[in-house]
Amino acid sequence: MFVEEMDPEVIELVKALNLFPGIKTIESCCGHGKDTFNIWFVADDLKRLPQVLWYISGCHNGGIYGWAVEVTTDCGMNPAKFRLGSSSKGKQAYSEARRIAKFIRGRVD
């Protein structure tokens, strides 16, 4: 992981996601206050994906709603990757990401 090349706002959540065996983050963007917060990852073991989904669900993580995971591919139909994204932007998204990361670290670490 090249922390020096990452938006500072995504680092905590990227590190937390990488705690899950079989989950590897590959790209991220904080949205820079204009767009939504996004982290792309691959899953070597799809059995871990429900665990990631559980932690980002507002009914489990203390009421942080509006975050979702979507499956994507590219124009070359390369293997599927996942995008964890917020519906919020800017300071609200950054705060939510920190809270989700703390929630994950407190249970997975």
PDB file of N, CA and C in Angstrom:
ATOM      1  N   MET A   1       0.861  -1.179   0.000  1.00  0.00           N
ATOM      2  CA  MET A   1       0.000   0.000   0.000  1.00  0.00           C
ATOM      3  C   MET A   1       0.899   1.231   0.000  1.00  0.00           C
ATOM      4  N   PHE A   2       0.637   2.143  -0.908  1.00  0.00           N
ATOM      5  CA  PHE A   2       1.437   3.359  -1.062  1.00  0.00           C
ATOM      6  C   PHE A   2       0.727   4.511  -0.365  1.00  0.00           C
ATOM      7  N   VAL A   3       0.852   4.578   0.941  1.00  0.00           N
ATOM      8  CA  VAL A   3       0.148   5.564   1.750  1.00  0.00           C
ATOM      9  C   VAL A   3       0.483   6.983   1.313  1.00  0.00           C
ATOM     10  N   GLU A   4       1.733   7.232   0.932  1.00  0.00           N
ATOM     11  CA  GLU A   4       2.117   8.589   0.548  1.00  0.00           C
ATOM     12  C   GLU A   4       1.409   9.062  -0.713  1.00  0.00           C
ATOM     13  N   GLU A   5       0.836   8.156  -1.497  1.00  0.00           N
ATOM     14  CA  GLU A   5       0.128   8.523  -2.717  1.00  0.00           C
ATOM     15  C   GLU A   5      -1.382   8.571  -2.525  1.00  0.00           C
ATOM     16  N   MET A   6      -1.860   8.314  -1.333  1.00  0.00           N
ATOM     17  CA  MET A   6      -3.299   8.231  -1.078  1.00  0.00           C
ATOM     18  C   MET A   6      -3.836   9.540  -0.519  1.00  0.00           C
ATOM     19  N   ASP A   7      -5.121   9.803  -0.815  1.00  0.00           N
ATOM     20  CA  ASP A   7      -5.791  10.915  -0.149  1.00  0.00           C
ATOM     21  C   ASP A   7      -5.782  10.610   1.345  1.00  0.00           C
ATOM     22  N   PRO A   8      -5.355  11.545   2.183  1.00  0.00           N
ATOM     23  CA  PRO A   8      -5.268  11.264   3.625  1.00  0.00           C
ATOM     24  C   PRO A   8      -6.596  10.809   4.223  1.00  0.00           C
ATOM     25  N   GLU A   9      -7.702  11.288   3.681  1.00  0.00           N
ATOM     26  CA  GLU A   9      -9.028  10.978   4.229  1.00  0.00           C
ATOM     27  C   GLU A   9      -9.414   9.510   4.070  1.00  0.00           C
ATOM     28  N   VAL A  10      -8.777   8.779   3.135  1.00  0.00           N
ATOM     29  CA  VAL A  10      -9.158   7.381   2.897  1.00  0.00           C
ATOM     30  C   VAL A  10      -8.289   6.378   3.644  1.00  0.00           C
ATOM     31  N   ILE A  11      -7.160   6.814   4.154  1.00  0.00           N
ATOM     32  CA  ILE A  11      -6.165   5.883   4.696  1.00  0.00           C
ATOM     33  C   ILE A  11      -6.721   5.003   5.814  1.00  0.00           C
ATOM     34  N   GLU A  12      -7.428   5.573   6.773  1.00  0.00           N
ATOM     35  CA  GLU A  12      -7.939   4.770   7.900  1.00  0.00           C
ATOM     36  C   GLU A  12      -8.877   3.670   7.438  1.00  0.00           C
ATOM     37  N   LEU A  13      -9.799   3.992   6.523  1.00  0.00           N
ATOM     38  CA  LEU A  13     -10.757   2.990   6.062  1.00  0.00           C
ATOM     39  C   LEU A  13     -10.081   1.964   5.151  1.00  0.00           C
ATOM     40  N   VAL A  14      -9.148   2.378   4.332  1.00  0.00           N
ATOM     41  CA  VAL A  14      -8.399   1.427   3.500  1.00  0.00           C
ATOM     42  C   VAL A  14      -7.668   0.421   4.396  1.00  0.00           C
ATOM     43  N   LYS A  15      -6.988   0.915   5.408  1.00  0.00           N
ATOM     44  CA  LYS A  15      -6.278   0.017   6.326  1.00  0.00           C
ATOM     45  C   LYS A  15      -7.239  -0.942   7.025  1.00  0.00           C
ATOM     46  N   ALA A  16      -8.400  -0.437   7.425  1.00  0.00           N
ATOM     47  CA  ALA A  16      -9.390  -1.290   8.092  1.00  0.00           C
ATOM     48  C   ALA A  16      -9.909  -2.372   7.153  1.00  0.00           C
ATOM     49  N   LEU A  17     -10.198  -2.018   5.905  1.00  0.00           N
ATOM     50  CA  LEU A  17     -10.685  -3.017   4.942  1.00  0.00           C
ATOM     51  C   LEU A  17      -9.641  -4.090   4.676  1.00  0.00           C
ATOM     52  N   ASN A  18      -8.384  -3.687   4.660  1.00  0.00           N
ATOM     53  CA  ASN A  18      -7.322  -4.652   4.415  1.00  0.00           C
ATOM     54  C   ASN A  18      -7.094  -5.604   5.590  1.00  0.00           C
ATOM     55  N   LEU A  19      -7.767  -5.379   6.713  1.00  0.00           N
ATOM     56  CA  LEU A  19      -7.697  -6.322   7.831  1.00  0.00           C
ATOM     57  C   LEU A  19      -8.452  -7.613   7.533  1.00  0.00           C
ATOM     58  N   PHE A  20      -9.424  -7.555   6.617  1.00  0.00           N
ATOM     59  CA  PHE A  20     -10.207  -8.738   6.276  1.00  0.00           C
ATOM     60  C   PHE A  20      -9.372  -9.668   5.402  1.00  0.00           C
ATOM     61  N   PRO A  21      -9.156 -10.910   5.822  1.00  0.00           N
ATOM     62  CA  PRO A  21      -8.453 -11.855   4.951  1.00  0.00           C
ATOM     63  C   PRO A  21      -9.224 -12.003   3.636  1.00  0.00           C
ATOM     64  N   GLY A  22      -8.497 -12.003   2.533  1.00  0.00           N
ATOM     65  CA  GLY A  22      -9.148 -12.165   1.236  1.00  0.00           C
ATOM     66  C   GLY A  22      -9.605 -10.874   0.603  1.00  0.00           C
ATOM     67  N   ILE A  23      -9.502  -9.747   1.308  1.00  0.00           N
ATOM     68  CA  ILE A  23      -9.899  -8.440   0.780  1.00  0.00           C
ATOM     69  C   ILE A  23      -8.636  -7.620   0.557  1.00  0.00           C
ATOM     70  N   LYS A  24      -8.501  -7.046  -0.633  1.00  0.00           N
ATOM     71  CA  LYS A  24      -7.333  -6.217  -0.950  1.00  0.00           C
ATOM     72  C   LYS A  24      -7.804  -4.955  -1.667  1.00  0.00           C
ATOM     73  N   THR A  25      -7.536  -3.809  -1.078  1.00  0.00           N
ATOM     74  CA  THR A  25      -7.908  -2.547  -1.717  1.00  0.00           C
ATOM     75  C   THR A  25      -6.950  -2.276  -2.868  1.00  0.00           C
ATOM     76  N   ILE A  26      -7.485  -1.660  -3.944  1.00  0.00           N
ATOM     77  CA  ILE A  26      -6.672  -1.429  -5.134  1.00  0.00           C
ATOM     78  C   ILE A  26      -6.690   0.019  -5.612  1.00  0.00           C
ATOM     79  N   GLU A  27      -7.636   0.812  -5.152  1.00  0.00           N
ATOM     80  CA  GLU A  27      -7.747   2.197  -5.594  1.00  0.00           C
ATOM     81  C   GLU A  27      -8.677   2.923  -4.632  1.00  0.00           C
ATOM     82  N   SER A  28      -8.523   4.239  -4.533  1.00  0.00           N
ATOM     83  CA  SER A  28      -9.397   5.001  -3.642  1.00  0.00           C
ATOM     84  C   SER A  28      -9.406   6.463  -4.036  1.00  0.00           C
ATOM     85  N   CYS A  29     -10.463   7.166  -3.606  1.00  0.00           N
ATOM     86  CA  CYS A  29     -10.563   8.610  -3.807  1.00  0.00           C
ATOM     87  C   CYS A  29     -11.528   9.161  -2.763  1.00  0.00           C
ATOM     88  N   CYS A  30     -11.128  10.226  -2.104  1.00  0.00           N
ATOM     89  CA  CYS A  30     -11.971  10.824  -1.066  1.00  0.00           C
ATOM     90  C   CYS A  30     -13.092  11.679  -1.652  1.00  0.00           C
ATOM     91  N   GLY A  31     -13.013  11.988  -2.940  1.00  0.00           N
ATOM     92  CA  GLY A  31     -14.023  12.841  -3.571  1.00  0.00           C
ATOM     93  C   GLY A  31     -13.660  14.312  -3.548  1.00  0.00           C
ATOM     94  N   HIS A  32     -12.679  14.676  -2.749  1.00  0.00           N
ATOM     95  CA  HIS A  32     -12.173  16.051  -2.681  1.00  0.00           C
ATOM     96  C   HIS A  32     -13.272  17.085  -2.442  1.00  0.00           C
ATOM     97  N   GLY A  33     -14.284  16.701  -1.647  1.00  0.00           N
ATOM     98  CA  GLY A  33     -15.358  17.617  -1.287  1.00  0.00           C
ATOM     99  C   GLY A  33     -16.397  17.835  -2.363  1.00  0.00           C
ATOM    100  N   LYS A  34     -16.165  17.312  -3.566  1.00  0.00           N
ATOM    101  CA  LYS A  34     -17.080  17.523  -4.693  1.00  0.00           C
ATOM    102  C   LYS A  34     -17.839  16.269  -5.076  1.00  0.00           C
ATOM    103  N   ASP A  35     -17.209  15.118  -4.894  1.00  0.00           N
ATOM    104  CA  ASP A  35     -17.804  13.839  -5.269  1.00  0.00           C
ATOM    105  C   ASP A  35     -17.853  12.921  -4.053  1.00  0.00           C
ATOM    106  N   THR A  36     -18.458  11.768  -4.243  1.00  0.00           N
ATOM    107  CA  THR A  36     -18.565  10.802  -3.162  1.00  0.00           C
ATOM    108  C   THR A  36     -17.222  10.132  -2.886  1.00  0.00           C
ATOM    109  N   PHE A  37     -17.122   9.545  -1.734  1.00  0.00           N
ATOM    110  CA  PHE A  37     -15.947   8.836  -1.221  1.00  0.00           C
ATOM    111  C   PHE A  37     -15.998   7.417  -1.790  1.00  0.00           C
ATOM    112  N   ASN A  38     -14.900   6.903  -2.350  1.00  0.00           N
ATOM    113  CA  ASN A  38     -14.901   5.572  -2.963  1.00  0.00           C
ATOM    114  C   ASN A  38     -13.608   4.827  -2.689  1.00  0.00           C
ATOM    115  N   ILE A  39     -13.749   3.531  -2.436  1.00  0.00           N
ATOM    116  CA  ILE A  39     -12.609   2.629  -2.323  1.00  0.00           C
ATOM    117  C   ILE A  39     -12.940   1.389  -3.154  1.00  0.00           C
ATOM    118  N   TRP A  40     -12.032   1.029  -4.056  1.00  0.00           N
ATOM    119  CA  TRP A  40     -12.196  -0.162  -4.870  1.00  0.00           C
ATOM    120  C   TRP A  40     -11.347  -1.268  -4.276  1.00  0.00           C
ATOM    121  N   PHE A  41     -11.886  -2.488  -4.302  1.00  0.00           N
ATOM    122  CA  PHE A  41     -11.152  -3.624  -3.758  1.00  0.00           C
ATOM    123  C   PHE A  41     -11.497  -4.894  -4.519  1.00  0.00           C
ATOM    124  N   VAL A  42     -10.640  -5.890  -4.367  1.00  0.00           N
ATOM    125  CA  VAL A  42     -10.911  -7.216  -4.905  1.00  0.00           C
ATOM    126  C   VAL A  42     -11.071  -8.158  -3.721  1.00  0.00           C
ATOM    127  N   ALA A  43     -11.735  -9.257  -3.982  1.00  0.00           N
ATOM    128  CA  ALA A  43     -11.965 -10.254  -2.939  1.00  0.00           C
ATOM    129  C   ALA A  43     -11.453 -11.601  -3.432  1.00  0.00           C
ATOM    130  N   ASP A  44     -10.391 -12.086  -2.806  1.00  0.00           N
ATOM    131  CA  ASP A  44      -9.863 -13.413  -3.148  1.00  0.00           C
ATOM    132  C   ASP A  44     -10.805 -14.498  -2.648  1.00  0.00           C
ATOM    133  N   ASP A  45     -11.547 -14.185  -1.617  1.00  0.00           N
ATOM    134  CA  ASP A  45     -12.447 -15.131  -0.985  1.00  0.00           C
ATOM    135  C   ASP A  45     -13.799 -14.445  -0.818  1.00  0.00           C
ATOM    136  N   LEU A  46     -14.765 -14.793  -1.659  1.00  0.00           N
ATOM    137  CA  LEU A  46     -16.071 -14.130  -1.599  1.00  0.00           C
ATOM    138  C   LEU A  46     -16.816 -14.408  -0.301  1.00  0.00           C
ATOM    139  N   LYS A  47     -16.384 -15.385   0.462  1.00  0.00           N
ATOM    140  CA  LYS A  47     -17.010 -15.656   1.754  1.00  0.00           C
ATOM    141  C   LYS A  47     -16.784 -14.510   2.735  1.00  0.00           C
ATOM    142  N   ARG A  48     -15.785 -13.660   2.480  1.00  0.00           N
ATOM    143  CA  ARG A  48     -15.507 -12.511   3.341  1.00  0.00           C
ATOM    144  C   ARG A  48     -16.380 -11.306   2.988  1.00  0.00           C
ATOM    145  N   LEU A  49     -16.928 -11.279   1.797  1.00  0.00           N
ATOM    146  CA  LEU A  49     -17.707 -10.122   1.363  1.00  0.00           C
ATOM    147  C   LEU A  49     -18.903  -9.824   2.268  1.00  0.00           C
ATOM    148  N   PRO A  50     -19.695 -10.810   2.692  1.00  0.00           N
ATOM    149  CA  PRO A  50     -20.799 -10.491   3.603  1.00  0.00           C
ATOM    150  C   PRO A  50     -20.335  -9.820   4.894  1.00  0.00           C
ATOM    151  N   GLN A  51     -19.145 -10.171   5.351  1.00  0.00           N
ATOM    152  CA  GLN A  51     -18.626  -9.535   6.560  1.00  0.00           C
ATOM    153  C   GLN A  51     -18.367  -8.047   6.320  1.00  0.00           C
ATOM    154  N   VAL A  52     -17.778  -7.708   5.179  1.00  0.00           N
ATOM    155  CA  VAL A  52     -17.562  -6.297   4.834  1.00  0.00           C
ATOM    156  C   VAL A  52     -18.906  -5.578   4.764  1.00  0.00           C
ATOM    157  N   LEU A  53     -19.881  -6.179   4.110  1.00  0.00           N
ATOM    158  CA  LEU A  53     -21.207  -5.575   3.976  1.00  0.00           C
ATOM    159  C   LEU A  53     -21.854  -5.343   5.330  1.00  0.00           C
ATOM    160  N   TRP A  54     -21.677  -6.274   6.249  1.00  0.00           N
ATOM    161  CA  TRP A  54     -22.258  -6.142   7.584  1.00  0.00           C
ATOM    162  C   TRP A  54     -21.707  -4.906   8.286  1.00  0.00           C
ATOM    163  N   TYR A  55     -20.398  -4.688   8.187  1.00  0.00           N
ATOM    164  CA  TYR A  55     -19.756  -3.569   8.877  1.00  0.00           C
ATOM    165  C   TYR A  55     -20.129  -2.208   8.312  1.00  0.00           C
ATOM    166  N   ILE A  56     -20.504  -2.146   7.044  1.00  0.00           N
ATOM    167  CA  ILE A  56     -20.880  -0.846   6.473  1.00  0.00           C
ATOM    168  C   ILE A  56     -22.381  -0.593   6.532  1.00  0.00           C
ATOM    169  N   SER A  57     -23.120  -1.546   7.030  1.00  0.00           N
ATOM    170  CA  SER A  57     -24.568  -1.391   7.146  1.00  0.00           C
ATOM    171  C   SER A  57     -24.917  -0.508   8.345  1.00  0.00           C
ATOM    172  N   GLY A  58     -25.721   0.502   8.106  1.00  0.00           N
ATOM    173  CA  GLY A  58     -26.096   1.443   9.162  1.00  0.00           C
ATOM    174  C   GLY A  58     -26.775   0.806  10.353  1.00  0.00           C
ATOM    175  N   CYS A  59     -27.462  -0.315  10.147  1.00  0.00           N
ATOM    176  CA  CYS A  59     -28.143  -0.947  11.281  1.00  0.00           C
ATOM    177  C   CYS A  59     -27.162  -1.700  12.176  1.00  0.00           C
ATOM    178  N   HIS A  60     -25.916  -1.885  11.732  1.00  0.00           N
ATOM    179  CA  HIS A  60     -24.905  -2.556  12.545  1.00  0.00           C
ATOM    180  C   HIS A  60     -23.807  -1.628  13.040  1.00  0.00           C
ATOM    181  N   ASN A  61     -23.497  -0.579  12.283  1.00  0.00           N
ATOM    182  CA  ASN A  61     -22.329   0.247  12.593  1.00  0.00           C
ATOM    183  C   ASN A  61     -22.640   1.516  13.385  1.00  0.00           C
ATOM    184  N   GLY A  62     -23.786   1.566  13.985  1.00  0.00           N
ATOM    185  CA  GLY A  62     -24.111   2.720  14.813  1.00  0.00           C
ATOM    186  C   GLY A  62     -24.853   3.829  14.079  1.00  0.00           C
ATOM    187  N   GLY A  63     -25.478   3.488  12.955  1.00  0.00           N
ATOM    188  CA  GLY A  63     -26.325   4.463  12.271  1.00  0.00           C
ATOM    189  C   GLY A  63     -25.664   5.254  11.158  1.00  0.00           C
ATOM    190  N   ILE A  64     -24.598   4.730  10.557  1.00  0.00           N
ATOM    191  CA  ILE A  64     -23.965   5.400   9.423  1.00  0.00           C
ATOM    192  C   ILE A  64     -24.572   4.802   8.154  1.00  0.00           C
ATOM    193  N   TYR A  65     -25.567   5.470   7.623  1.00  0.00           N
ATOM    194  CA  TYR A  65     -26.288   4.975   6.451  1.00  0.00           C
ATOM    195  C   TYR A  65     -25.764   5.618   5.169  1.00  0.00           C
ATOM    196  N   GLY A  66     -26.086   5.022   4.039  1.00  0.00           N
ATOM    197  CA  GLY A  66     -25.734   5.603   2.752  1.00  0.00           C
ATOM    198  C   GLY A  66     -24.452   5.074   2.143  1.00  0.00           C
ATOM    199  N   TRP A  67     -23.839   4.075   2.764  1.00  0.00           N
ATOM    200  CA  TRP A  67     -22.649   3.451   2.200  1.00  0.00           C
ATOM    201  C   TRP A  67     -23.062   2.118   1.580  1.00  0.00           C
ATOM    202  N   ALA A  68     -22.499   1.779   0.424  1.00  0.00           N
ATOM    203  CA  ALA A  68     -22.877   0.553  -0.270  1.00  0.00           C
ATOM    204  C   ALA A  68     -21.684   0.000  -1.038  1.00  0.00           C
ATOM    205  N   VAL A  69     -21.765  -1.284  -1.359  1.00  0.00           N
ATOM    206  CA  VAL A  69     -20.766  -1.942  -2.188  1.00  0.00           C
ATOM    207  C   VAL A  69     -21.436  -2.347  -3.480  1.00  0.00           C
ATOM    208  N   GLU A  70     -20.766  -2.040  -4.595  1.00  0.00           N
ATOM    209  CA  GLU A  70     -21.277  -2.439  -5.904  1.00  0.00           C
ATOM    210  C   GLU A  70     -20.201  -3.235  -6.626  1.00  0.00           C
ATOM    211  N   VAL A  71     -20.629  -4.168  -7.450  1.00  0.00           N
ATOM    212  CA  VAL A  71     -19.716  -4.977  -8.248  1.00  0.00           C
ATOM    213  C   VAL A  71     -19.514  -4.271  -9.579  1.00  0.00           C
ATOM    214  N   THR A  72     -18.255  -4.160 -10.015  1.00  0.00           N
ATOM    215  CA  THR A  72     -17.957  -3.498 -11.280  1.00  0.00           C
ATOM    216  C   THR A  72     -16.954  -4.322 -12.082  1.00  0.00           C
ATOM    217  N   THR A  73     -16.841  -4.005 -13.346  1.00  0.00           N
ATOM    218  CA  THR A  73     -15.777  -4.519 -14.203  1.00  0.00           C
ATOM    219  C   THR A  73     -15.401  -3.401 -15.149  1.00  0.00           C
ATOM    220  N   ASP A  74     -14.468  -3.647 -16.036  1.00  0.00           N
ATOM    221  CA  ASP A  74     -14.078  -2.603 -16.983  1.00  0.00           C
ATOM    222  C   ASP A  74     -14.458  -3.009 -18.400  1.00  0.00           C
ATOM    223  N   CYS A  75     -14.097  -2.198 -19.363  1.00  0.00           N
ATOM    224  CA  CYS A  75     -14.466  -2.449 -20.759  1.00  0.00           C
ATOM    225  C   CYS A  75     -13.867  -3.742 -21.302  1.00  0.00           C
ATOM    226  N   GLY A  76     -12.783  -4.201 -20.702  1.00  0.00           N
ATOM    227  CA  GLY A  76     -12.151  -5.444 -21.126  1.00  0.00           C
ATOM    228  C   GLY A  76     -12.720  -6.667 -20.434  1.00  0.00           C
ATOM    229  N   MET A  77     -13.773  -6.489 -19.634  1.00  0.00           N
ATOM    230  CA  MET A  77     -14.406  -7.565 -18.870  1.00  0.00           C
ATOM    231  C   MET A  77     -13.392  -8.311 -18.008  1.00  0.00           C
ATOM    232  N   ASN A  78     -12.491  -7.561 -17.397  1.00  0.00           N
ATOM    233  CA  ASN A  78     -11.545  -8.155 -16.468  1.00  0.00           C
ATOM    234  C   ASN A  78     -12.291  -8.650 -15.235  1.00  0.00           C
ATOM    235  N   PRO A  79     -11.637  -9.431 -14.391  1.00  0.00           N
ATOM    236  CA  PRO A  79     -12.330  -9.947 -13.205  1.00  0.00           C
ATOM    237  C   PRO A  79     -13.025  -8.838 -12.409  1.00  0.00           C
ATOM    238  N   ALA A  80     -14.104  -9.228 -11.788  1.00  0.00           N
ATOM    239  CA  ALA A  80     -14.915  -8.281 -11.023  1.00  0.00           C
ATOM    240  C   ALA A  80     -14.111  -7.648  -9.898  1.00  0.00           C
ATOM    241  N   LYS A  81     -14.429  -6.386  -9.664  1.00  0.00           N
ATOM    242  CA  LYS A  81     -13.901  -5.692  -8.494  1.00  0.00           C
ATOM    243  C   LYS A  81     -15.083  -5.021  -7.822  1.00  0.00           C
ATOM    244  N   PHE A  82     -14.874  -4.560  -6.628  1.00  0.00           N
ATOM    245  CA  PHE A  82     -15.951  -3.990  -5.835  1.00  0.00           C
ATOM    246  C   PHE A  82     -15.639  -2.537  -5.521  1.00  0.00           C
ATOM    247  N   ARG A  83     -16.703  -1.733  -5.451  1.00  0.00           N
ATOM    248  CA  ARG A  83     -16.556  -0.331  -5.083  1.00  0.00           C
ATOM    249  C   ARG A  83     -17.370  -0.068  -3.836  1.00  0.00           C
ATOM    250  N   LEU A  84     -16.680   0.317  -2.772  1.00  0.00           N
ATOM    251  CA  LEU A  84     -17.335   0.768  -1.550  1.00  0.00           C
ATOM    252  C   LEU A  84     -17.474   2.273  -1.678  1.00  0.00           C
ATOM    253  N   GLY A  85     -18.700   2.755  -1.658  1.00  0.00           N
ATOM    254  CA  GLY A  85     -18.906   4.186  -1.844  1.00  0.00           C
ATOM    255  C   GLY A  85     -19.909   4.771  -0.871  1.00  0.00           C
ATOM    256  N   SER A  86     -19.730   6.055  -0.627  1.00  0.00           N
ATOM    257  CA  SER A  86     -20.642   6.797   0.242  1.00  0.00           C
ATOM    258  C   SER A  86     -21.692   7.495  -0.605  1.00  0.00           C
ATOM    259  N   SER A  87     -22.767   7.904   0.022  1.00  0.00           N
ATOM    260  CA  SER A  87     -23.714   8.799  -0.642  1.00  0.00           C
ATOM    261  C   SER A  87     -23.423  10.239  -0.232  1.00  0.00           C
ATOM    262  N   SER A  88     -22.670  10.392   0.841  1.00  0.00           N
ATOM    263  CA  SER A  88     -22.309  11.719   1.346  1.00  0.00           C
ATOM    264  C   SER A  88     -21.009  12.196   0.683  1.00  0.00           C
ATOM    265  N   LYS A  89     -20.738  13.487   0.863  1.00  0.00           N
ATOM    266  CA  LYS A  89     -19.540  14.097   0.285  1.00  0.00           C
ATOM    267  C   LYS A  89     -18.826  14.924   1.344  1.00  0.00           C
ATOM    268  N   GLY A  90     -17.573  15.243   1.059  1.00  0.00           N
ATOM    269  CA  GLY A  90     -16.824  16.170   1.897  1.00  0.00           C
ATOM    270  C   GLY A  90     -16.666  15.728   3.333  1.00  0.00           C
ATOM    271  N   LYS A  91     -16.736  16.710   4.237  1.00  0.00           N
ATOM    272  CA  LYS A  91     -16.473  16.457   5.659  1.00  0.00           C
ATOM    273  C   LYS A  91     -17.371  15.387   6.245  1.00  0.00           C
ATOM    274  N   GLN A  92     -18.623  15.321   5.794  1.00  0.00           N
ATOM    275  CA  GLN A  92     -19.522  14.294   6.309  1.00  0.00           C
ATOM    276  C   GLN A  92     -19.021  12.905   5.914  1.00  0.00           C
ATOM    277  N   ALA A  93     -18.633  12.730   4.657  1.00  0.00           N
ATOM    278  CA  ALA A  93     -18.117  11.431   4.195  1.00  0.00           C
ATOM    279  C   ALA A  93     -16.833  11.066   4.929  1.00  0.00           C
ATOM    280  N   TYR A  94     -15.956  12.041   5.145  1.00  0.00           N
ATOM    281  CA  TYR A  94     -14.695  11.773   5.830  1.00  0.00           C
ATOM    282  C   TYR A  94     -14.954  11.316   7.268  1.00  0.00           C
ATOM    283  N   SER A  95     -15.881  11.976   7.933  1.00  0.00           N
ATOM    284  CA  SER A  95     -16.228  11.617   9.306  1.00  0.00           C
ATOM    285  C   SER A  95     -16.838  10.214   9.359  1.00  0.00           C
ATOM    286  N   GLU A  96     -17.743   9.932   8.436  1.00  0.00           N
ATOM    287  CA  GLU A  96     -18.371   8.610   8.393  1.00  0.00           C
ATOM    288  C   GLU A  96     -17.322   7.529   8.142  1.00  0.00           C
ATOM    289  N   ALA A  97     -16.396   7.786   7.225  1.00  0.00           N
ATOM    290  CA  ALA A  97     -15.346   6.811   6.913  1.00  0.00           C
ATOM    291  C   ALA A  97     -14.488   6.522   8.137  1.00  0.00           C
ATOM    292  N   ARG A  98     -14.144   7.571   8.894  1.00  0.00           N
ATOM    293  CA  ARG A  98     -13.353   7.369  10.120  1.00  0.00           C
ATOM    294  C   ARG A  98     -14.130   6.527  11.123  1.00  0.00           C
ATOM    295  N   ARG A  99     -15.422   6.798  11.261  1.00  0.00           N
ATOM    296  CA  ARG A  99     -16.238   6.040  12.216  1.00  0.00           C
ATOM    297  C   ARG A  99     -16.372   4.577  11.797  1.00  0.00           C
ATOM    298  N   ILE A 100     -16.563   4.330  10.494  1.00  0.00           N
ATOM    299  CA  ILE A 100     -16.660   2.947  10.010  1.00  0.00           C
ATOM    300  C   ILE A 100     -15.329   2.234  10.228  1.00  0.00           C
ATOM    301  N   ALA A 101     -14.219   2.904   9.926  1.00  0.00           N
ATOM    302  CA  ALA A 101     -12.896   2.304  10.123  1.00  0.00           C
ATOM    303  C   ALA A 101     -12.684   1.934  11.590  1.00  0.00           C
ATOM    304  N   LYS A 102     -13.054   2.830  12.489  1.00  0.00           N
ATOM    305  CA  LYS A 102     -12.909   2.564  13.918  1.00  0.00           C
ATOM    306  C   LYS A 102     -13.767   1.369  14.336  1.00  0.00           C
ATOM    307  N   PHE A 103     -14.978   1.293  13.806  1.00  0.00           N
ATOM    308  CA  PHE A 103     -15.871   0.182  14.098  1.00  0.00           C
ATOM    309  C   PHE A 103     -15.259  -1.137  13.633  1.00  0.00           C
ATOM    310  N   ILE A 104     -14.719  -1.162  12.406  1.00  0.00           N
ATOM    311  CA  ILE A 104     -14.084  -2.380  11.882  1.00  0.00           C
ATOM    312  C   ILE A 104     -12.877  -2.753  12.737  1.00  0.00           C
ATOM    313  N   ARG A 105     -11.995  -1.793  13.002  1.00  0.00           N
ATOM    314  CA  ARG A 105     -10.781  -2.083  13.769  1.00  0.00           C
ATOM    315  C   ARG A 105     -11.112  -2.614  15.167  1.00  0.00           C
ATOM    316  N   GLY A 106     -12.174  -2.115  15.750  1.00  0.00           N
ATOM    317  CA  GLY A 106     -12.545  -2.556  17.089  1.00  0.00           C
ATOM    318  C   GLY A 106     -13.044  -3.980  17.151  1.00  0.00           C
ATOM    319  N   ARG A 107     -13.400  -4.542  16.006  1.00  0.00           N
ATOM    320  CA  ARG A 107     -13.942  -5.897  16.001  1.00  0.00           C
ATOM    321  C   ARG A 107     -13.109  -6.900  15.209  1.00  0.00           C
ATOM    322  N   VAL A 108     -12.368  -6.432  14.224  1.00  0.00           N
ATOM    323  CA  VAL A 108     -11.613  -7.341  13.352  1.00  0.00           C
ATOM    324  C   VAL A 108     -10.162  -7.431  13.760  1.00  0.00           C
ATOM    325  N   ASP A 109      -9.608  -6.344  14.270  1.00  0.00           N
ATOM    326  CA  ASP A 109      -8.183  -6.254  14.611  1.00  0.00           C
ATOM    327  C   ASP A 109      -7.739  -7.360  15.526  1.00  0.00           C
TER     328      ASP A 109
END
